[in-house]
Structure formats: structure tokens, C-alpha cells
Amino acid sequence: MTAPEVLHAPSASAHAPVSDAALQGAASAALHIDKLHAWYGESHVLHGVNLHVQPGETVCLLGRNGAGRTTTLRAIMGLTSARTGSIRVFGYEVIGVPRHRVAPLGVGYCPEERGIFASLSAHENFLLPPELKTGFSGLSEDEIYALFPNLRERAKSPGTRLSGGEQQMLAVARILRTGARLLLLDEISEGLAPVIVQALGRAMNALKNKGFSILLVEQNFRFSANLADRFYVMEGGQIVLEIARADLEKNRATLKGLLGI
């Protein structure tokens, strides 16, 4: 993938020295966050977050409300007041890069508020995001509609006439045609009927099989437990626990204490 001209490796003074192994790991990861601090105005929200997502991996960020999960996604996109530390997307440092340069690296962000336009049809909402020169091929309309068949059926319906589940499908679907290969998904199962949650789960697994990397913020543990390869738990703006899916059961007591599940 060719990087936009504005993206350069940070100077030695921009960050503390790191080892060659750490740099190699950051370069090979779809997402590599190191010692990330973030603020909203005077409020210091993230306190040294470290996490990574490998190509083709699904990672879930768990935590109670206010733990800093959504802020982590927003910090990746440059939507916080200030950031320090390191955020590398497919090897490119984005701290200090203008926010409009992040998506062209291959990042698709689906925030909790879906942003569906009432004055546009479902299909027009779907076509809104431009195809970006990310170095990756976006999914075709047919491929996306195969993932979300409800959207083909409701293509001419006004965006806000769709059910909550269909609107969530639309919010995810429209970033898939842009060329994004790293998906940042914030609470996509929240408040949805079980049948819709299951459909979203099938779509997430299909995207993983197609090579997408996914960072999923969730409170629905049952939903994420069947999707993610690894889990990070946040508390007070920090990562307090990292668990592989194979180790979930033996860490259930710890998770219950941290999450109340």
C-alpha cells in the first residue's frame, strides 16, 4: 500500500526510543497503539493504552461505561482534543496526522450514533462515503448485499424508516465499499433484537474470513465471545487485562469482577 505524502515516520524527538522488535511489531500490525494518552479539553481520559490488532484478527475492547473504550476509537480517528503516544495503522504513524488522512489508510469507523440521513433512501445512504485510495479493494455492492440481504430489499426506503437493526447494518455496510480493511465498530449490537444480533455476528465472521481486521467495542459479552480472537478489558482509561478466547473460561471470575457479567 502506498502511503499518502503527508504520512512520514515520526522523528526521534516525537516519541521515546523503542526497540527494533517493537517497531517490527508495529509495522506488521493492522493497528498498534503504544502508551496512548488522550484528552477532551482538560479531561485526561486515556492513560497509557497499549493494544494491537493483527491483520485478519478480531479484537474486542470490553469495559463498563466510561472506561475509555469509545475514546480509544475516537483517538485513533483523531477525534479527541489531544493525543500523545503512538498509533500506527498498517505501519504508519497517525499521531499528528490530520484526521482526514486517517481513513485513506484503510480505516472504517462505525460510531455508536449511526448517522443515517432521513432525507435519503437506504441506497443513497449506502453510497454516501466515497471510495478511497487506500491500497485495498472495497467490497462490491453485490458482496455487501450478500452480507446484509435486508438492505437490498429496503434499498428504496427512507433511511430512518428502516428498523434499528437495519440501520445498524447500513451503518456497517457503507464503510465496506470505501476500501477500509481495519474496522472500528462501536457497540453495533446495542439494543437490537437477537435475530439481528445473530445476523451481524455472521457478517462479522464473514468479514474476518475475507481478511478484515476488526476492533470491536462491546458490552454484549455473549455476542463478542463468539467473534473475537482476543479481548482487552479497560478500566479508568487503561488496559487492565488481555485474554485470548481460549482462556475466557478460566478468567470468568476476573471478568465478572471487572464487568459484572
C-alpha atoms as a PDB file:
ATOM      1  CA  MET A   1       0.000   0.000   0.000  1.00  0.00           C
ATOM      2  CA  THR A   2       1.309   3.447  -0.912  1.00  0.00           C
ATOM      3  CA  ALA A   3       1.105   5.961   1.923  1.00  0.00           C
ATOM      4  CA  PRO A   4      -0.241   9.472   1.315  1.00  0.00           C
ATOM      5  CA  GLU A   5       2.533  12.041   1.035  1.00  0.00           C
ATOM      6  CA  VAL A   6       1.776  13.613   4.411  1.00  0.00           C
ATOM      7  CA  LEU A   7       2.482  10.382   6.277  1.00  0.00           C
ATOM      8  CA  HIS A   8       6.065  10.109   7.443  1.00  0.00           C
ATOM      9  CA  ALA A   9       7.712   8.172  10.232  1.00  0.00           C
ATOM     10  CA  PRO A  10       7.884  10.361  13.363  1.00  0.00           C
ATOM     11  CA  SER A  11      11.181  11.971  14.214  1.00  0.00           C
ATOM     12  CA  ALA A  12      13.256  10.595  17.061  1.00  0.00           C
ATOM     13  CA  SER A  13      12.134  13.505  19.243  1.00  0.00           C
ATOM     14  CA  ALA A  14       8.425  12.805  18.704  1.00  0.00           C
ATOM     15  CA  HIS A  15       8.354   9.625  20.801  1.00  0.00           C
ATOM     16  CA  ALA A  16      10.525   7.827  23.300  1.00  0.00           C
ATOM     17  CA  PRO A  17      13.011   5.360  21.732  1.00  0.00           C
ATOM     18  CA  VAL A  18      11.600   1.916  21.046  1.00  0.00           C
ATOM     19  CA  SER A  19      13.262  -1.395  20.281  1.00  0.00           C
ATOM     20  CA  ASP A  20      13.681  -2.833  16.781  1.00  0.00           C
ATOM     21  CA  ALA A  21      11.333  -5.700  17.738  1.00  0.00           C
ATOM     22  CA  ALA A  22       8.647  -3.237  18.833  1.00  0.00           C
ATOM     23  CA  LEU A  23       8.976  -1.302  15.581  1.00  0.00           C
ATOM     24  CA  GLN A  24       8.703  -4.515  13.553  1.00  0.00           C
ATOM     25  CA  GLY A  25       5.580  -5.496  15.501  1.00  0.00           C
ATOM     26  CA  ALA A  26       4.036  -2.073  14.921  1.00  0.00           C
ATOM     27  CA  ALA A  27       4.845  -2.247  11.207  1.00  0.00           C
ATOM     28  CA  SER A  28       3.266  -5.691  10.735  1.00  0.00           C
ATOM     29  CA  ALA A  29       0.084  -4.988  12.728  1.00  0.00           C
ATOM     30  CA  ALA A  30      -3.117  -3.582  11.262  1.00  0.00           C
ATOM     31  CA  LEU A  31      -3.273  -1.414  14.391  1.00  0.00           C
ATOM     32  CA  HIS A  32      -0.592  -0.877  17.030  1.00  0.00           C
ATOM     33  CA  ILE A  33      -1.233   1.510  19.936  1.00  0.00           C
ATOM     34  CA  ASP A  34       1.541   2.279  22.399  1.00  0.00           C
ATOM     35  CA  LYS A  35       1.357   4.453  25.540  1.00  0.00           C
ATOM     36  CA  LEU A  36      -1.673   6.342  24.243  1.00  0.00           C
ATOM     37  CA  HIS A  37      -2.942   9.262  26.309  1.00  0.00           C
ATOM     38  CA  ALA A  38      -5.964  11.275  25.165  1.00  0.00           C
ATOM     39  CA  TRP A  39      -7.888  14.303  26.390  1.00  0.00           C
ATOM     40  CA  TYR A  40     -11.228  16.012  25.895  1.00  0.00           C
ATOM     41  CA  GLY A  41     -10.389  19.598  26.754  1.00  0.00           C
ATOM     42  CA  GLU A  42      -8.870  19.498  30.243  1.00  0.00           C
ATOM     43  CA  SER A  43     -10.207  15.999  30.932  1.00  0.00           C
ATOM     44  CA  HIS A  44      -7.491  13.332  30.722  1.00  0.00           C
ATOM     45  CA  VAL A  45      -9.399  10.214  29.602  1.00  0.00           C
ATOM     46  CA  LEU A  46      -6.853   7.649  28.355  1.00  0.00           C
ATOM     47  CA  HIS A  47      -3.808   6.861  30.496  1.00  0.00           C
ATOM     48  CA  GLY A  48      -1.193   4.904  28.563  1.00  0.00           C
ATOM     49  CA  VAL A  49      -3.275   2.481  26.496  1.00  0.00           C
ATOM     50  CA  ASN A  50      -1.397  -0.364  24.760  1.00  0.00           C
ATOM     51  CA  LEU A  51      -3.118  -2.711  22.324  1.00  0.00           C
ATOM     52  CA  HIS A  52      -2.707  -4.211  18.883  1.00  0.00           C
ATOM     53  CA  VAL A  53      -4.772  -5.877  16.177  1.00  0.00           C
ATOM     54  CA  GLN A  54      -3.089  -8.192  13.701  1.00  0.00           C
ATOM     55  CA  PRO A  55      -4.202  -8.459  10.052  1.00  0.00           C
ATOM     56  CA  GLY A  56      -7.293 -10.661   9.845  1.00  0.00           C
ATOM     57  CA  GLU A  57      -7.798 -10.618  13.611  1.00  0.00           C
ATOM     58  CA  THR A  58     -10.930  -9.635  15.534  1.00  0.00           C
ATOM     59  CA  VAL A  59     -10.230  -7.986  18.892  1.00  0.00           C
ATOM     60  CA  CYS A  60     -12.874  -6.900  21.390  1.00  0.00           C
ATOM     61  CA  LEU A  61     -12.484  -3.995  23.793  1.00  0.00           C
ATOM     62  CA  LEU A  62     -14.592  -4.661  26.895  1.00  0.00           C
ATOM     63  CA  GLY A  63     -15.345  -2.435  29.868  1.00  0.00           C
ATOM     64  CA  ARG A  64     -18.013  -0.615  31.776  1.00  0.00           C
ATOM     65  CA  ASN A  65     -19.479   2.685  30.589  1.00  0.00           C
ATOM     66  CA  GLY A  66     -16.922   5.463  30.970  1.00  0.00           C
ATOM     67  CA  ALA A  67     -13.928   3.117  30.884  1.00  0.00           C
ATOM     68  CA  GLY A  68     -12.485   4.802  27.786  1.00  0.00           C
ATOM     69  CA  ARG A  69     -13.408   2.319  25.052  1.00  0.00           C
ATOM     70  CA  THR A  70     -15.165   4.750  22.722  1.00  0.00           C
ATOM     71  CA  THR A  71     -12.484   7.359  23.376  1.00  0.00           C
ATOM     72  CA  THR A  72      -9.897   4.839  22.183  1.00  0.00           C
ATOM     73  CA  LEU A  73     -11.694   4.531  18.833  1.00  0.00           C
ATOM     74  CA  ARG A  74     -12.111   8.293  18.601  1.00  0.00           C
ATOM     75  CA  ALA A  75      -8.435   8.826  19.408  1.00  0.00           C
ATOM     76  CA  ILE A  76      -7.452   6.525  16.539  1.00  0.00           C
ATOM     77  CA  MET A  77      -9.514   8.716  14.196  1.00  0.00           C
ATOM     78  CA  GLY A  78      -8.107  11.956  15.642  1.00  0.00           C
ATOM     79  CA  LEU A  79     -11.425  12.993  17.185  1.00  0.00           C
ATOM     80  CA  THR A  80     -10.153  13.842  20.668  1.00  0.00           C
ATOM     81  CA  SER A  81      -8.798  17.225  21.800  1.00  0.00           C
ATOM     82  CA  ALA A  82      -5.225  15.965  22.153  1.00  0.00           C
ATOM     83  CA  ARG A  83      -3.244  12.717  21.956  1.00  0.00           C
ATOM     84  CA  THR A  84       0.233  11.592  22.889  1.00  0.00           C
ATOM     85  CA  GLY A  85       1.938   8.247  22.437  1.00  0.00           C
ATOM     86  CA  SER A  86       1.842   6.227  19.231  1.00  0.00           C
ATOM     87  CA  ILE A  87      -0.941   4.952  16.970  1.00  0.00           C
ATOM     88  CA  ARG A  88       0.247   3.049  13.919  1.00  0.00           C
ATOM     89  CA  VAL A  89      -2.225   1.971  11.238  1.00  0.00           C
ATOM     90  CA  PHE A  90      -0.749  -0.587   8.832  1.00  0.00           C
ATOM     91  CA  GLY A  91       2.660   0.661   9.902  1.00  0.00           C
ATOM     92  CA  TYR A  92       2.012   4.393   9.514  1.00  0.00           C
ATOM     93  CA  GLU A  93       2.085   6.740  12.498  1.00  0.00           C
ATOM     94  CA  VAL A  94      -1.089   8.825  12.749  1.00  0.00           C
ATOM     95  CA  ILE A  95      -0.390  10.888  15.872  1.00  0.00           C
ATOM     96  CA  GLY A  96      -0.008  14.401  14.495  1.00  0.00           C
ATOM     97  CA  VAL A  97      -1.573  13.499  11.141  1.00  0.00           C
ATOM     98  CA  PRO A  98      -4.693  15.498  10.127  1.00  0.00           C
ATOM     99  CA  ARG A  99      -7.810  13.476  10.886  1.00  0.00           C
ATOM    100  CA  HIS A 100      -8.962  13.420   7.266  1.00  0.00           C
ATOM    101  CA  ARG A 101      -5.802  11.462   6.400  1.00  0.00           C
ATOM    102  CA  VAL A 102      -6.654   8.526   8.689  1.00  0.00           C
ATOM    103  CA  ALA A 103      -9.488   6.902   6.703  1.00  0.00           C
ATOM    104  CA  PRO A 104      -7.406   6.760   3.468  1.00  0.00           C
ATOM    105  CA  LEU A 105      -5.003   4.435   5.291  1.00  0.00           C
ATOM    106  CA  GLY A 106      -7.766   1.833   5.210  1.00  0.00           C
ATOM    107  CA  VAL A 107      -9.748   2.607   8.377  1.00  0.00           C
ATOM    108  CA  GLY A 108     -13.535   2.369   8.553  1.00  0.00           C
ATOM    109  CA  TYR A 109     -15.149   3.845  11.691  1.00  0.00           C
ATOM    110  CA  CYS A 110     -18.716   2.975  12.652  1.00  0.00           C
ATOM    111  CA  PRO A 111     -19.660   5.103  15.685  1.00  0.00           C
ATOM    112  CA  GLU A 112     -22.433   4.274  18.113  1.00  0.00           C
ATOM    113  CA  GLU A 113     -24.613   7.038  16.664  1.00  0.00           C
ATOM    114  CA  ARG A 114     -25.351   5.641  13.208  1.00  0.00           C
ATOM    115  CA  GLY A 115     -25.722   8.905  11.269  1.00  0.00           C
ATOM    116  CA  ILE A 116     -28.459   7.724   8.889  1.00  0.00           C
ATOM    117  CA  PHE A 117     -29.954  10.590   6.851  1.00  0.00           C
ATOM    118  CA  ALA A 118     -33.763  10.709   6.861  1.00  0.00           C
ATOM    119  CA  SER A 119     -33.938  12.633   3.571  1.00  0.00           C
ATOM    120  CA  LEU A 120     -32.051   9.904   1.679  1.00  0.00           C
ATOM    121  CA  SER A 121     -33.064   6.384   0.742  1.00  0.00           C
ATOM    122  CA  ALA A 122     -31.234   3.439   2.237  1.00  0.00           C
ATOM    123  CA  HIS A 123     -29.309   3.012  -1.021  1.00  0.00           C
ATOM    124  CA  GLU A 124     -28.397   6.708  -1.155  1.00  0.00           C
ATOM    125  CA  ASN A 125     -27.166   6.499   2.450  1.00  0.00           C
ATOM    126  CA  PHE A 126     -25.152   3.450   1.431  1.00  0.00           C
ATOM    127  CA  LEU A 127     -23.460   5.346  -1.421  1.00  0.00           C
ATOM    128  CA  LEU A 128     -22.555   8.435   0.656  1.00  0.00           C
ATOM    129  CA  PRO A 129     -18.984   7.576   1.753  1.00  0.00           C
ATOM    130  CA  PRO A 130     -16.556   7.941  -1.161  1.00  0.00           C
ATOM    131  CA  GLU A 131     -14.345   5.141  -2.380  1.00  0.00           C
ATOM    132  CA  LEU A 132     -10.890   5.963  -1.034  1.00  0.00           C
ATOM    133  CA  LYS A 133      -7.443   5.292  -2.460  1.00  0.00           C
ATOM    134  CA  THR A 134      -6.465   3.055   0.432  1.00  0.00           C
ATOM    135  CA  GLY A 135      -4.459   0.474  -1.490  1.00  0.00           C
ATOM    136  CA  PHE A 136      -7.200  -2.079  -0.748  1.00  0.00           C
ATOM    137  CA  SER A 137     -10.226  -3.025  -2.810  1.00  0.00           C
ATOM    138  CA  GLY A 138     -13.589  -2.245  -1.258  1.00  0.00           C
ATOM    139  CA  LEU A 139     -16.323  -4.856  -1.361  1.00  0.00           C
ATOM    140  CA  SER A 140     -18.697  -4.675  -4.314  1.00  0.00           C
ATOM    141  CA  GLU A 141     -22.380  -3.867  -3.835  1.00  0.00           C
ATOM    142  CA  ASP A 142     -23.268  -7.496  -4.523  1.00  0.00           C
ATOM    143  CA  GLU A 143     -20.789  -8.716  -1.899  1.00  0.00           C
ATOM    144  CA  ILE A 144     -22.149  -6.265   0.669  1.00  0.00           C
ATOM    145  CA  TYR A 145     -25.760  -7.119  -0.070  1.00  0.00           C
ATOM    146  CA  ALA A 146     -24.872 -10.793   0.282  1.00  0.00           C
ATOM    147  CA  LEU A 147     -23.737  -9.964   3.835  1.00  0.00           C
ATOM    148  CA  PHE A 148     -26.821  -7.826   4.549  1.00  0.00           C
ATOM    149  CA  PRO A 149     -29.684  -9.044   2.313  1.00  0.00           C
ATOM    150  CA  ASN A 150     -32.239  -6.928   4.212  1.00  0.00           C
ATOM    151  CA  LEU A 151     -30.624  -3.805   2.778  1.00  0.00           C
ATOM    152  CA  ARG A 152     -31.228  -4.852  -0.821  1.00  0.00           C
ATOM    153  CA  GLU A 153     -34.904  -5.382  -0.022  1.00  0.00           C
ATOM    154  CA  ARG A 154     -35.163  -1.956   1.666  1.00  0.00           C
ATOM    155  CA  ALA A 155     -32.955  -0.047  -0.787  1.00  0.00           C
ATOM    156  CA  LYS A 156     -35.651   2.482  -1.741  1.00  0.00           C
ATOM    157  CA  SER A 157     -36.963   3.048   1.789  1.00  0.00           C
ATOM    158  CA  PRO A 158     -36.109   6.338   3.562  1.00  0.00           C
ATOM    159  CA  GLY A 159     -33.119   5.769   5.812  1.00  0.00           C
ATOM    160  CA  THR A 160     -34.935   6.403   9.069  1.00  0.00           C
ATOM    161  CA  ARG A 161     -37.858   4.138   8.071  1.00  0.00           C
ATOM    162  CA  LEU A 162     -35.528   1.175   8.468  1.00  0.00           C
ATOM    163  CA  SER A 163     -35.660  -0.732  11.730  1.00  0.00           C
ATOM    164  CA  GLY A 164     -32.908  -0.126  14.277  1.00  0.00           C
ATOM    165  CA  GLY A 165     -31.222  -3.351  13.208  1.00  0.00           C
ATOM    166  CA  GLU A 166     -31.403  -2.445   9.510  1.00  0.00           C
ATOM    167  CA  GLN A 167     -29.974   0.983  10.245  1.00  0.00           C
ATOM    168  CA  GLN A 168     -27.080  -0.671  12.072  1.00  0.00           C
ATOM    169  CA  MET A 169     -26.474  -2.979   9.126  1.00  0.00           C
ATOM    170  CA  LEU A 170     -26.490   0.074   6.845  1.00  0.00           C
ATOM    171  CA  ALA A 171     -24.018   1.924   9.064  1.00  0.00           C
ATOM    172  CA  VAL A 172     -21.599  -1.015   8.833  1.00  0.00           C
ATOM    173  CA  ALA A 173     -22.278  -1.760   5.163  1.00  0.00           C
ATOM    174  CA  ARG A 174     -21.448   1.707   3.863  1.00  0.00           C
ATOM    175  CA  ILE A 175     -17.876   1.667   5.183  1.00  0.00           C
ATOM    176  CA  LEU A 176     -17.155  -1.642   3.429  1.00  0.00           C
ATOM    177  CA  ARG A 177     -17.203  -0.140  -0.063  1.00  0.00           C
ATOM    178  CA  THR A 178     -14.656   2.566   0.798  1.00  0.00           C
ATOM    179  CA  GLY A 179     -11.594   0.305   0.727  1.00  0.00           C
ATOM    180  CA  ALA A 180     -11.329   0.042   4.520  1.00  0.00           C
ATOM    181  CA  ARG A 181      -9.574  -3.058   5.865  1.00  0.00           C
ATOM    182  CA  LEU A 182      -9.422  -2.069   9.551  1.00  0.00           C
ATOM    183  CA  LEU A 183     -12.923  -1.718  11.014  1.00  0.00           C
ATOM    184  CA  LEU A 184     -13.559   0.179  14.254  1.00  0.00           C
ATOM    185  CA  LEU A 185     -17.046  -0.813  15.403  1.00  0.00           C
ATOM    186  CA  ASP A 186     -18.666   0.795  18.440  1.00  0.00           C
ATOM    187  CA  GLU A 187     -21.483  -1.117  20.193  1.00  0.00           C
ATOM    188  CA  ILE A 188     -23.029  -2.450  16.985  1.00  0.00           C
ATOM    189  CA  SER A 189     -25.256  -4.944  18.841  1.00  0.00           C
ATOM    190  CA  GLU A 190     -26.673  -2.476  21.387  1.00  0.00           C
ATOM    191  CA  GLY A 191     -30.462  -2.580  21.746  1.00  0.00           C
ATOM    192  CA  LEU A 192     -31.035  -4.909  18.814  1.00  0.00           C
ATOM    193  CA  ALA A 193     -33.263  -7.976  18.580  1.00  0.00           C
ATOM    194  CA  PRO A 194     -31.463 -11.326  18.961  1.00  0.00           C
ATOM    195  CA  VAL A 195     -32.135 -12.303  15.330  1.00  0.00           C
ATOM    196  CA  ILE A 196     -30.421  -9.091  14.129  1.00  0.00           C
ATOM    197  CA  VAL A 197     -27.511  -9.607  16.525  1.00  0.00           C
ATOM    198  CA  GLN A 198     -27.053 -13.109  15.091  1.00  0.00           C
ATOM    199  CA  ALA A 199     -27.094 -11.714  11.543  1.00  0.00           C
ATOM    200  CA  LEU A 200     -24.454  -9.145  12.477  1.00  0.00           C
ATOM    201  CA  GLY A 201     -22.356 -11.892  14.038  1.00  0.00           C
ATOM    202  CA  ARG A 202     -22.478 -13.918  10.833  1.00  0.00           C
ATOM    203  CA  ALA A 203     -21.457 -10.844   8.843  1.00  0.00           C
ATOM    204  CA  MET A 204     -18.520 -10.143  11.192  1.00  0.00           C
ATOM    205  CA  ASN A 205     -17.261 -13.710  10.814  1.00  0.00           C
ATOM    206  CA  ALA A 206     -17.577 -13.457   7.040  1.00  0.00           C
ATOM    207  CA  LEU A 207     -15.577 -10.221   7.039  1.00  0.00           C
ATOM    208  CA  LYS A 208     -12.889 -11.830   9.160  1.00  0.00           C
ATOM    209  CA  ASN A 209     -12.702 -14.699   6.659  1.00  0.00           C
ATOM    210  CA  LYS A 210     -12.225 -12.108   3.910  1.00  0.00           C
ATOM    211  CA  GLY A 211      -9.157 -10.735   5.723  1.00  0.00           C
ATOM    212  CA  PHE A 212     -10.627  -7.715   7.517  1.00  0.00           C
ATOM    213  CA  SER A 213      -9.126  -6.652  10.844  1.00  0.00           C
ATOM    214  CA  ILE A 214     -11.720  -5.624  13.418  1.00  0.00           C
ATOM    215  CA  LEU A 215     -11.562  -3.721  16.697  1.00  0.00           C
ATOM    216  CA  LEU A 216     -14.950  -4.164  18.328  1.00  0.00           C
ATOM    217  CA  VAL A 217     -16.180  -2.161  21.331  1.00  0.00           C
ATOM    218  CA  GLU A 218     -18.921  -4.173  23.032  1.00  0.00           C
ATOM    219  CA  GLN A 219     -20.849  -4.653  26.239  1.00  0.00           C
ATOM    220  CA  ASN A 220     -22.689  -7.692  24.882  1.00  0.00           C
ATOM    221  CA  PHE A 221     -20.242 -10.332  26.071  1.00  0.00           C
ATOM    222  CA  ARG A 222     -22.163 -13.261  24.572  1.00  0.00           C
ATOM    223  CA  PHE A 223     -22.026 -11.598  21.167  1.00  0.00           C
ATOM    224  CA  SER A 224     -18.326 -10.787  21.313  1.00  0.00           C
ATOM    225  CA  ALA A 225     -17.280 -14.092  22.917  1.00  0.00           C
ATOM    226  CA  ASN A 226     -18.223 -15.904  19.708  1.00  0.00           C
ATOM    227  CA  LEU A 227     -16.407 -13.435  17.444  1.00  0.00           C
ATOM    228  CA  ALA A 228     -13.175 -12.171  18.933  1.00  0.00           C
ATOM    229  CA  ASP A 229      -9.774 -13.856  18.944  1.00  0.00           C
ATOM    230  CA  ARG A 230      -8.584 -11.725  21.864  1.00  0.00           C
ATOM    231  CA  PHE A 231     -10.113  -9.428  24.458  1.00  0.00           C
ATOM    232  CA  TYR A 232      -8.851  -6.338  26.216  1.00  0.00           C
ATOM    233  CA  VAL A 233     -10.610  -5.063  29.327  1.00  0.00           C
ATOM    234  CA  MET A 234     -10.478  -1.329  30.065  1.00  0.00           C
ATOM    235  CA  GLU A 235     -10.941   0.366  33.402  1.00  0.00           C
ATOM    236  CA  GLY A 236     -10.243   4.008  34.219  1.00  0.00           C
ATOM    237  CA  GLY A 237      -8.770   4.721  30.796  1.00  0.00           C
ATOM    238  CA  GLN A 238      -6.254   1.870  30.967  1.00  0.00           C
ATOM    239  CA  ILE A 239      -5.992  -1.706  29.722  1.00  0.00           C
ATOM    240  CA  VAL A 240      -6.166  -3.876  32.845  1.00  0.00           C
ATOM    241  CA  LEU A 241      -6.479  -7.338  31.272  1.00  0.00           C
ATOM    242  CA  GLU A 242      -5.769  -9.107  27.975  1.00  0.00           C
ATOM    243  CA  ILE A 243      -7.304 -12.549  27.357  1.00  0.00           C
ATOM    244  CA  ALA A 244      -7.253 -14.970  24.435  1.00  0.00           C
ATOM    245  CA  ARG A 245     -10.608 -16.567  23.579  1.00  0.00           C
ATOM    246  CA  ALA A 246      -9.293 -19.971  24.673  1.00  0.00           C
ATOM    247  CA  ASP A 247      -8.682 -18.554  28.165  1.00  0.00           C
ATOM    248  CA  LEU A 248     -12.094 -16.959  28.715  1.00  0.00           C
ATOM    249  CA  GLU A 249     -13.481 -19.699  30.924  1.00  0.00           C
ATOM    250  CA  LYS A 250     -10.596 -19.767  33.367  1.00  0.00           C
ATOM    251  CA  ASN A 251     -10.752 -15.963  33.649  1.00  0.00           C
ATOM    252  CA  ARG A 252     -14.526 -15.834  34.173  1.00  0.00           C
ATOM    253  CA  ALA A 253     -14.257 -14.831  37.847  1.00  0.00           C
ATOM    254  CA  THR A 254     -11.911 -11.967  36.967  1.00  0.00           C
ATOM    255  CA  LEU A 255     -14.171 -10.839  34.151  1.00  0.00           C
ATOM    256  CA  LYS A 256     -17.183 -10.945  36.429  1.00  0.00           C
ATOM    257  CA  GLY A 257     -15.415  -8.652  38.871  1.00  0.00           C
ATOM    258  CA  LEU A 258     -14.406  -6.195  36.161  1.00  0.00           C
ATOM    259  CA  LEU A 259     -17.535  -6.271  34.015  1.00  0.00           C
ATOM    260  CA  GLY A 260     -20.295  -7.650  36.218  1.00  0.00           C
ATOM    261  CA  ILE A 261     -21.098 -10.444  33.730  1.00  0.00           C
END
